[in-house]
Amino acid sequence: MLSKIEKAVLKAGKHLLEGFNSRKQVSLKGKIDLVTQYDVEVEKILLNELSFMSCEYDFVAEETHKERAGKNKAVYIDPIDGTTNFVHGFPFCCISVGVYNGNEGLAGVVYNPVMNEMFIAEKGQGAFMNGERLRASDKHKSIDCLIATGFPYGIAEGQGNNILDILARVLKNTRGIRRAGSAALDLCYAARGVFDGYYEFNLSPWDIAGGAVIASEAGCLVTGMDGTESPDLYEKFILASSPGVHAELLGLIKK
């Protein structure tokens, strides 16, 4: 299964890369939430290439299939995670596919064709980038940590004051914060140990499904707000970090 998903993502990635280097038709889904024709076209390629899974799995995809149909197993697809980056030519954007049985992550594939980074993971088999095994950070103090986060589109409508308060607390108690604009890749960079932790609010399941499997298989502790592993993808919050610093980071966020 994983090899077939990887093959599908590679095919779709060629179209994403073509779009990255081309003129785009940009529309608004919200005040600052963008979509391009390439989001829709890449999703169509993925749905077609992964159709062999349709008997057993629901498909939940950002642009055309946002609701589950009732099966316990699901494939979550984000055709371009980091669309704003994609539109502006910032190369931190990717395709993300996550395969789940309920809240149990079975496989994850995240591919950034612009930077030629292919992340894959299968439950119990570890996580890899371009064939090299990934291992999460082993930090134990938040002050030694580089943290990634993101901001919800609702900030443009005046929402998110609490998120900014949390950001200030985390910033004061860590080495620094980075905001690169792709939840899926932030999770993969936590899997690589580049980021010692990553947290974000107001996420959709397709944003995090693939990356959460990869981060977990690399040794990150991946939880929701209650600190329980295998979080509900619909909770709209995720924290993935070195196990040694997870409780401290969660405490800063919940304080």
Protein backbone atom coordinates (compact mmCIF):
# COMPACT_ATOMS: atom_id res chain seq x y z
CA MET A 1 0.00 0.00 0.00
CA LEU A 2 2.68 2.52 0.99
CA SER A 3 4.61 2.10 -2.25
CA LYS A 4 1.44 2.67 -4.30
CA ILE A 5 0.63 5.82 -2.33
CA GLU A 6 4.19 7.09 -2.79
CA LYS A 7 3.92 6.47 -6.55
CA ALA A 8 0.62 8.40 -6.68
CA VAL A 9 2.09 11.31 -4.72
CA LEU A 10 5.14 11.46 -6.98
CA LYS A 11 2.86 11.72 -10.01
CA ALA A 12 0.79 14.47 -8.42
CA GLY A 13 3.97 16.20 -7.29
CA LYS A 14 5.04 16.73 -10.89
CA HIS A 15 1.91 18.80 -11.42
CA LEU A 16 2.47 20.76 -8.19
CA LEU A 17 6.02 21.57 -9.31
CA GLU A 18 4.76 22.67 -12.72
CA GLY A 19 2.30 24.98 -10.96
CA PHE A 20 4.93 26.35 -8.60
CA ASN A 21 6.87 27.61 -11.61
CA SER A 22 3.82 28.87 -13.54
CA ARG A 23 1.24 31.64 -13.44
CA LYS A 24 -1.62 30.74 -11.10
CA GLN A 25 -5.33 31.48 -10.97
CA VAL A 26 -5.88 32.49 -7.35
CA SER A 27 -9.26 32.61 -5.60
CA LEU A 28 -10.28 33.36 -2.03
CA LYS A 29 -11.96 30.85 0.29
CA GLY A 30 -11.84 33.39 3.13
CA LYS A 31 -10.37 36.82 3.80
CA ILE A 32 -6.81 35.47 3.41
CA ASP A 33 -7.41 31.75 2.71
CA LEU A 34 -6.29 31.05 -0.87
CA VAL A 35 -6.97 28.32 -3.41
CA THR A 36 -5.56 27.84 -6.90
CA GLN A 37 -6.47 25.68 -9.87
CA TYR A 38 -3.48 23.52 -8.95
CA ASP A 39 -4.99 22.62 -5.54
CA VAL A 40 -8.02 21.21 -7.36
CA GLU A 41 -6.04 19.54 -10.14
CA VAL A 42 -3.51 17.89 -7.81
CA GLU A 43 -6.37 16.59 -5.66
CA LYS A 44 -8.05 15.13 -8.75
CA ILE A 45 -4.85 13.29 -9.70
CA LEU A 46 -4.51 11.86 -6.19
CA LEU A 47 -8.14 10.73 -5.98
CA ASN A 48 -7.78 9.00 -9.33
CA GLU A 49 -4.45 7.33 -8.53
CA LEU A 50 -5.65 6.18 -5.09
CA SER A 51 -9.04 4.93 -6.27
CA PHE A 52 -7.89 1.34 -5.67
CA MET A 53 -8.44 2.07 -1.94
CA SER A 54 -12.02 3.32 -2.31
CA CYS A 55 -13.76 0.05 -1.42
CA GLU A 56 -12.17 -0.06 2.03
CA TYR A 57 -11.52 3.63 2.79
CA ASP A 58 -13.41 6.91 2.82
CA PHE A 59 -11.62 9.78 1.11
CA VAL A 60 -11.44 13.09 2.96
CA ALA A 61 -9.84 15.74 0.77
CA GLU A 62 -9.59 19.49 1.30
CA GLU A 63 -11.10 20.78 -1.91
CA THR A 64 -13.78 18.27 -2.95
CA HIS A 65 -14.40 15.56 -0.31
CA LYS A 66 -14.49 17.24 3.10
CA GLU A 67 -16.94 14.84 4.79
CA ARG A 68 -16.54 11.18 5.69
CA ALA A 69 -19.06 8.73 4.28
CA GLY A 70 -19.26 6.35 7.24
CA LYS A 71 -16.37 3.90 6.91
CA ASN A 72 -14.06 3.52 9.91
CA LYS A 73 -10.99 3.72 7.67
CA ALA A 74 -10.13 6.91 5.83
CA VAL A 75 -7.53 8.46 3.54
CA TYR A 76 -6.93 12.16 4.30
CA ILE A 77 -5.59 14.23 1.39
CA ASP A 78 -4.21 17.75 1.33
CA PRO A 79 -3.28 18.46 -2.31
CA ILE A 80 -1.19 21.52 -1.47
CA ASP A 81 -0.47 22.20 2.18
CA GLY A 82 0.99 25.68 2.24
CA THR A 83 -1.04 27.18 -0.61
CA THR A 84 -0.10 30.74 0.42
CA ASN A 85 3.57 29.74 0.20
CA PHE A 86 2.86 28.12 -3.18
CA VAL A 87 1.23 31.29 -4.50
CA HIS A 88 4.06 33.54 -3.31
CA GLY A 89 6.90 31.29 -4.49
CA PHE A 90 8.08 30.27 -1.01
CA PRO A 91 9.21 26.64 -1.40
CA PHE A 92 7.67 25.28 1.85
CA CYS A 93 4.63 23.53 0.35
CA CYS A 94 3.73 19.90 -0.11
CA ILE A 95 1.28 17.11 -0.82
CA SER A 96 0.10 15.21 2.24
CA VAL A 97 -1.67 11.83 2.44
CA GLY A 98 -2.53 10.07 5.69
CA VAL A 99 -4.17 6.65 6.04
CA TYR A 100 -6.13 5.95 9.23
CA ASN A 101 -8.21 3.34 10.96
CA GLY A 102 -10.26 5.49 13.30
CA ASN A 103 -7.64 7.61 15.09
CA GLU A 104 -4.86 5.09 14.47
CA GLY A 105 -2.40 6.27 11.84
CA LEU A 106 -1.46 3.46 9.47
CA ALA A 107 0.66 5.32 6.91
CA GLY A 108 1.76 8.81 5.99
CA VAL A 109 3.33 10.32 2.87
CA VAL A 110 4.35 13.99 2.64
CA TYR A 111 6.14 15.24 -0.46
CA ASN A 112 7.66 18.62 -1.22
CA PRO A 113 8.65 18.40 -4.90
CA VAL A 114 10.10 21.92 -4.90
CA MET A 115 12.78 20.90 -2.40
CA ASN A 116 12.80 17.21 -3.40
CA GLU A 117 11.87 15.96 0.08
CA MET A 118 9.83 12.75 0.29
CA PHE A 119 8.75 11.75 3.80
CA ILE A 120 7.14 8.34 4.36
CA ALA A 121 6.11 6.26 7.34
CA GLU A 122 4.14 3.11 8.06
CA LYS A 123 2.90 2.08 11.49
CA GLY A 124 5.61 0.15 13.34
CA GLN A 125 8.15 0.54 10.53
CA GLY A 126 9.74 3.91 11.30
CA ALA A 127 9.84 7.13 9.30
CA PHE A 128 12.15 8.11 6.44
CA MET A 129 13.09 11.09 4.27
CA ASN A 130 14.50 10.18 0.85
CA GLY A 131 15.39 6.76 2.26
CA GLU A 132 17.16 8.04 5.39
CA ARG A 133 15.67 7.06 8.73
CA LEU A 134 14.30 9.94 10.81
CA ARG A 135 14.73 10.42 14.56
CA ALA A 136 13.06 13.05 16.68
CA SER A 137 14.86 15.45 18.98
CA ASP A 138 15.92 14.24 22.42
CA LYS A 139 15.75 17.63 24.18
CA HIS A 140 14.56 17.76 27.82
CA LYS A 141 14.29 21.51 28.52
CA SER A 142 12.09 23.94 26.63
CA ILE A 143 14.71 26.69 26.83
CA ASP A 144 16.92 24.54 24.57
CA CYS A 145 14.19 24.01 21.97
CA LEU A 146 13.38 25.46 18.57
CA ILE A 147 9.60 25.38 18.18
CA ALA A 148 7.39 25.60 15.10
CA THR A 149 3.83 26.85 15.05
CA GLY A 150 1.22 28.34 12.73
CA PHE A 151 -1.57 30.88 12.90
CA PRO A 152 -5.20 30.32 11.87
CA TYR A 153 -6.74 32.27 9.03
CA GLY A 154 -9.25 33.62 11.56
CA ILE A 155 -6.61 36.02 12.87
CA ALA A 156 -7.43 38.22 9.87
CA GLU A 157 -11.01 38.48 11.19
CA GLY A 158 -9.84 39.54 14.65
CA GLN A 159 -9.82 36.09 16.20
CA GLY A 160 -6.90 34.51 18.01
CA ASN A 161 -5.93 36.76 20.92
CA ASN A 162 -5.45 33.69 23.10
CA ILE A 163 -3.19 32.20 20.43
CA LEU A 164 -1.01 35.31 20.57
CA ASP A 165 -0.84 35.06 24.38
CA ILE A 166 0.33 31.46 24.07
CA LEU A 167 2.86 32.47 21.43
CA ALA A 168 4.35 35.03 23.83
CA ARG A 169 4.67 32.44 26.62
CA VAL A 170 6.30 29.87 24.37
CA LEU A 171 8.64 32.47 22.88
CA LYS A 172 9.83 33.56 26.33
CA ASN A 173 10.55 29.99 27.42
CA THR A 174 12.25 28.51 24.35
CA ARG A 175 15.21 29.17 22.07
CA GLY A 176 12.93 30.51 19.36
CA ILE A 177 9.83 30.04 17.22
CA ARG A 178 9.55 29.50 13.48
CA ARG A 179 6.38 29.92 11.40
CA ALA A 180 6.91 28.43 7.93
CA GLY A 181 3.29 27.94 6.82
CA SER A 182 2.79 24.19 6.30
CA ALA A 183 1.51 22.00 9.14
CA ALA A 184 2.42 18.81 7.29
CA LEU A 185 6.02 19.88 6.76
CA ASP A 186 6.31 21.28 10.30
CA LEU A 187 5.44 17.80 11.57
CA CYS A 188 7.99 16.25 9.23
CA TYR A 189 10.67 18.67 10.39
CA ALA A 190 9.84 17.70 13.96
CA ALA A 191 10.34 14.10 12.83
CA ARG A 192 13.77 15.09 11.49
CA GLY A 193 14.70 16.75 14.79
CA VAL A 194 15.03 20.15 13.08
CA PHE A 195 12.18 21.36 15.28
CA ASP A 196 12.13 20.12 18.86
CA GLY A 197 8.40 20.70 18.98
CA TYR A 198 5.48 21.87 16.89
CA TYR A 199 2.02 23.00 17.98
CA GLU A 200 -0.92 24.60 16.23
CA PHE A 201 -4.62 25.34 16.69
CA ASN A 202 -7.61 25.38 14.31
CA LEU A 203 -6.31 22.69 11.99
CA SER A 204 -8.28 20.43 9.68
CA PRO A 205 -7.65 16.66 9.62
CA TRP A 206 -6.05 16.74 6.16
CA ASP A 207 -3.50 19.30 7.40
CA ILE A 208 -1.97 16.92 9.92
CA ALA A 209 -2.94 13.32 9.06
CA GLY A 210 0.13 12.41 7.01
CA GLY A 211 2.67 14.34 9.05
CA ALA A 212 1.37 13.04 12.38
CA VAL A 213 2.13 9.44 11.36
CA ILE A 214 5.62 10.43 10.23
CA ALA A 215 6.34 12.38 13.43
CA SER A 216 5.09 9.57 15.65
CA GLU A 217 7.08 6.91 13.82
CA ALA A 218 10.21 9.06 14.16
CA GLY A 219 9.82 9.11 17.95
CA CYS A 220 7.89 12.33 18.58
CA LEU A 221 5.16 12.31 21.18
CA VAL A 222 2.08 13.42 19.24
CA THR A 223 -0.99 14.40 21.26
CA GLY A 224 -4.04 16.59 21.51
CA MET A 225 -4.65 19.04 24.32
CA ASP A 226 -5.28 16.30 26.89
CA GLY A 227 -1.83 14.80 26.32
CA THR A 228 -3.15 11.48 25.04
CA GLU A 229 -1.38 9.84 22.11
CA SER A 230 -3.22 9.15 18.83
CA PRO A 231 -5.25 12.36 19.08
CA ASP A 232 -8.57 12.92 17.35
CA LEU A 233 -7.77 14.46 13.96
CA TYR A 234 -10.86 16.63 14.32
CA GLU A 235 -9.77 18.15 17.65
CA LYS A 236 -8.21 21.15 15.84
CA PHE A 237 -5.09 21.11 18.02
CA ILE A 238 -1.86 19.13 17.84
CA LEU A 239 1.43 19.05 19.70
CA ALA A 240 4.32 16.95 18.41
CA SER A 241 7.63 17.12 20.23
CA SER A 242 10.55 15.38 21.82
CA PRO A 243 9.02 13.18 24.55
CA GLY A 244 11.36 14.75 27.10
CA VAL A 245 9.97 18.26 26.65
CA HIS A 246 6.35 17.47 25.77
CA ALA A 247 4.85 17.98 29.22
CA GLU A 248 6.63 21.31 29.68
CA LEU A 249 5.49 22.60 26.30
CA LEU A 250 1.93 21.47 26.86
CA GLY A 251 1.98 23.24 30.22
CA LEU A 252 3.05 26.50 28.56
CA ILE A 253 0.25 26.17 26.03
CA LYS A 254 -2.47 25.32 28.56
CA LYS A 255 -1.35 27.79 31.28
